[in-house]
Amino acid sequence: MAKTSFIERNKRRKRMAKRFAPKRKALKAIANDRSRPAEERFAARLKLSELPRNSSPVRSKNLCDLTGRSRGTYRKFRLSRIKLRELASQGLIPGMVKASW
């Protein structure tokens, strides 16, 4: 089980990334547009770097929703491999059965 502070910090990062997403998208579009003057693109890059560091979506981690485990997490289910196996064995994940051959 991950520390509660780590889980909350990650949630804060995701909220901040969602809040700043339109602004980041607009600045990135300006900065990557080759038809604009170099000074304007450079100014957009500077404004982008002035945004909070945690507003970047890359900084948030994929954590298990139940335990907060960061490794071996399936994106589709947002669960760690351990909890996914437990829930699948109990029949709580529809359509997922234990393999046997």
C-alpha atoms as a PDB file:
ATOM      1  CA  MET A   1       0.000   0.000   0.000  1.00  0.00           C
ATOM      2  CA  ALA A   2       1.419   3.343  -1.057  1.00  0.00           C
ATOM      3  CA  LYS A   3       1.551   6.229   1.371  1.00  0.00           C
ATOM      4  CA  THR A   4      -1.593   8.318   1.416  1.00  0.00           C
ATOM      5  CA  SER A   5       0.432  11.481   0.856  1.00  0.00           C
ATOM      6  CA  PHE A   6       1.866  10.053  -2.371  1.00  0.00           C
ATOM      7  CA  ILE A   7      -1.594   9.098  -3.638  1.00  0.00           C
ATOM      8  CA  GLU A   8      -2.972  12.554  -2.803  1.00  0.00           C
ATOM      9  CA  ARG A   9       0.010  14.274  -4.433  1.00  0.00           C
ATOM     10  CA  ASN A  10      -0.619  12.288  -7.607  1.00  0.00           C
ATOM     11  CA  LYS A  11      -4.315  13.237  -7.563  1.00  0.00           C
ATOM     12  CA  ARG A  12      -3.324  16.899  -7.178  1.00  0.00           C
ATOM     13  CA  ARG A  13      -1.011  16.589 -10.186  1.00  0.00           C
ATOM     14  CA  LYS A  14      -3.777  15.085 -12.317  1.00  0.00           C
ATOM     15  CA  ARG A  15      -6.202  17.851 -11.351  1.00  0.00           C
ATOM     16  CA  MET A  16      -3.607  20.522 -12.135  1.00  0.00           C
ATOM     17  CA  ALA A  17      -2.766  18.929 -15.488  1.00  0.00           C
ATOM     18  CA  LYS A  18      -6.453  18.890 -16.381  1.00  0.00           C
ATOM     19  CA  ARG A  19      -6.870  22.540 -15.349  1.00  0.00           C
ATOM     20  CA  PHE A  20      -3.897  23.785 -17.384  1.00  0.00           C
ATOM     21  CA  ALA A  21      -4.459  21.508 -20.413  1.00  0.00           C
ATOM     22  CA  PRO A  22      -6.099  24.118 -22.710  1.00  0.00           C
ATOM     23  CA  LYS A  23      -3.453  26.735 -21.950  1.00  0.00           C
ATOM     24  CA  ARG A  24      -0.612  24.245 -22.484  1.00  0.00           C
ATOM     25  CA  LYS A  25      -2.168  23.057 -25.737  1.00  0.00           C
ATOM     26  CA  ALA A  26      -2.467  26.597 -27.087  1.00  0.00           C
ATOM     27  CA  LEU A  27       1.116  27.502 -26.144  1.00  0.00           C
ATOM     28  CA  LYS A  28       2.476  24.276 -27.635  1.00  0.00           C
ATOM     29  CA  ALA A  29       0.593  24.917 -30.873  1.00  0.00           C
ATOM     30  CA  ILE A  30       2.218  28.357 -31.130  1.00  0.00           C
ATOM     31  CA  ALA A  31       5.656  27.042 -30.202  1.00  0.00           C
ATOM     32  CA  ASN A  32       5.558  24.232 -32.764  1.00  0.00           C
ATOM     33  CA  ASP A  33       4.081  26.284 -35.633  1.00  0.00           C
ATOM     34  CA  ARG A  34       6.952  26.828 -38.115  1.00  0.00           C
ATOM     35  CA  SER A  35       5.033  29.493 -40.025  1.00  0.00           C
ATOM     36  CA  ARG A  36       5.180  31.911 -37.061  1.00  0.00           C
ATOM     37  CA  PRO A  37       8.186  34.153 -36.400  1.00  0.00           C
ATOM     38  CA  ALA A  38      10.958  32.753 -34.223  1.00  0.00           C
ATOM     39  CA  GLU A  39      10.495  35.447 -31.556  1.00  0.00           C
ATOM     40  CA  GLU A  40       6.831  34.575 -31.109  1.00  0.00           C
ATOM     41  CA  ARG A  41       7.607  30.856 -30.859  1.00  0.00           C
ATOM     42  CA  PHE A  42      10.365  31.558 -28.347  1.00  0.00           C
ATOM     43  CA  ALA A  43       7.994  33.701 -26.243  1.00  0.00           C
ATOM     44  CA  ALA A  44       5.475  30.835 -26.233  1.00  0.00           C
ATOM     45  CA  ARG A  45       8.205  28.457 -25.025  1.00  0.00           C
ATOM     46  CA  LEU A  46       9.078  30.875 -22.204  1.00  0.00           C
ATOM     47  CA  LYS A  47       5.428  31.143 -21.142  1.00  0.00           C
ATOM     48  CA  LEU A  48       5.169  27.366 -21.265  1.00  0.00           C
ATOM     49  CA  SER A  49       8.161  27.027 -18.960  1.00  0.00           C
ATOM     50  CA  GLU A  50       6.625  29.524 -16.517  1.00  0.00           C
ATOM     51  CA  LEU A  51       3.611  27.266 -15.945  1.00  0.00           C
ATOM     52  CA  PRO A  52       3.704  25.105 -12.815  1.00  0.00           C
ATOM     53  CA  ARG A  53       5.845  22.023 -13.206  1.00  0.00           C
ATOM     54  CA  ASN A  54       3.062  19.736 -12.011  1.00  0.00           C
ATOM     55  CA  SER A  55       0.738  21.029 -14.721  1.00  0.00           C
ATOM     56  CA  SER A  56       2.458  18.706 -17.162  1.00  0.00           C
ATOM     57  CA  PRO A  57       0.516  15.430 -17.557  1.00  0.00           C
ATOM     58  CA  VAL A  58       3.786  13.493 -17.820  1.00  0.00           C
ATOM     59  CA  ARG A  59       4.504  14.014 -14.122  1.00  0.00           C
ATOM     60  CA  SER A  60       1.513  11.995 -12.876  1.00  0.00           C
ATOM     61  CA  LYS A  61       1.952   8.255 -12.403  1.00  0.00           C
ATOM     62  CA  ASN A  62      -0.421   5.417 -13.169  1.00  0.00           C
ATOM     63  CA  LEU A  63      -1.382   4.065  -9.753  1.00  0.00           C
ATOM     64  CA  CYS A  64      -3.658   1.222  -8.715  1.00  0.00           C
ATOM     65  CA  ASP A  65      -6.978   2.687  -7.555  1.00  0.00           C
ATOM     66  CA  LEU A  66      -7.259   0.199  -4.703  1.00  0.00           C
ATOM     67  CA  THR A  67      -3.741   0.015  -3.303  1.00  0.00           C
ATOM     68  CA  GLY A  68      -1.797   2.870  -4.858  1.00  0.00           C
ATOM     69  CA  ARG A  69       0.816   0.484  -6.248  1.00  0.00           C
ATOM     70  CA  SER A  70       2.749   2.110  -9.077  1.00  0.00           C
ATOM     71  CA  ARG A  71       4.321  -0.907 -10.739  1.00  0.00           C
ATOM     72  CA  GLY A  72       2.524  -3.521 -12.788  1.00  0.00           C
ATOM     73  CA  THR A  73      -0.581  -1.370 -13.253  1.00  0.00           C
ATOM     74  CA  TYR A  74      -2.967  -2.137 -16.117  1.00  0.00           C
ATOM     75  CA  ARG A  75      -4.176   1.096 -17.734  1.00  0.00           C
ATOM     76  CA  LYS A  76      -7.477  -0.338 -18.911  1.00  0.00           C
ATOM     77  CA  PHE A  77      -8.571  -1.424 -15.425  1.00  0.00           C
ATOM     78  CA  ARG A  78      -6.456   1.046 -13.396  1.00  0.00           C
ATOM     79  CA  LEU A  79      -5.557  -1.864 -11.106  1.00  0.00           C
ATOM     80  CA  SER A  80      -2.274  -3.494 -10.213  1.00  0.00           C
ATOM     81  CA  ARG A  81      -1.568  -6.991 -11.464  1.00  0.00           C
ATOM     82  CA  ILE A  82      -2.072  -8.397  -7.953  1.00  0.00           C
ATOM     83  CA  LYS A  83      -5.508  -6.853  -7.354  1.00  0.00           C
ATOM     84  CA  LEU A  84      -6.571  -7.618 -10.914  1.00  0.00           C
ATOM     85  CA  ARG A  85      -5.835 -11.309 -10.373  1.00  0.00           C
ATOM     86  CA  GLU A  86      -7.633 -11.348  -7.016  1.00  0.00           C
ATOM     87  CA  LEU A  87     -10.758  -9.685  -8.392  1.00  0.00           C
ATOM     88  CA  ALA A  88     -10.746 -11.865 -11.518  1.00  0.00           C
ATOM     89  CA  SER A  89     -10.517 -15.011  -9.387  1.00  0.00           C
ATOM     90  CA  GLN A  90     -13.502 -13.830  -7.348  1.00  0.00           C
ATOM     91  CA  GLY A  91     -15.442 -13.203 -10.561  1.00  0.00           C
ATOM     92  CA  LEU A  92     -15.808  -9.469  -9.980  1.00  0.00           C
ATOM     93  CA  ILE A  93     -14.418  -8.445 -13.384  1.00  0.00           C
ATOM     94  CA  PRO A  94     -16.940  -9.272 -16.111  1.00  0.00           C
ATOM     95  CA  GLY A  95     -15.631 -11.364 -18.979  1.00  0.00           C
ATOM     96  CA  MET A  96     -12.331 -12.222 -17.291  1.00  0.00           C
ATOM     97  CA  VAL A  97     -11.728 -15.832 -16.303  1.00  0.00           C
ATOM     98  CA  LYS A  98      -8.664 -17.674 -15.129  1.00  0.00           C
ATOM     99  CA  ALA A  99      -6.894 -19.454 -17.959  1.00  0.00           C
ATOM    100  CA  SER A 100      -6.782 -23.247 -17.868  1.00  0.00           C
ATOM    101  CA  TRP A 101      -5.687 -25.673 -20.565  1.00  0.00           C
END
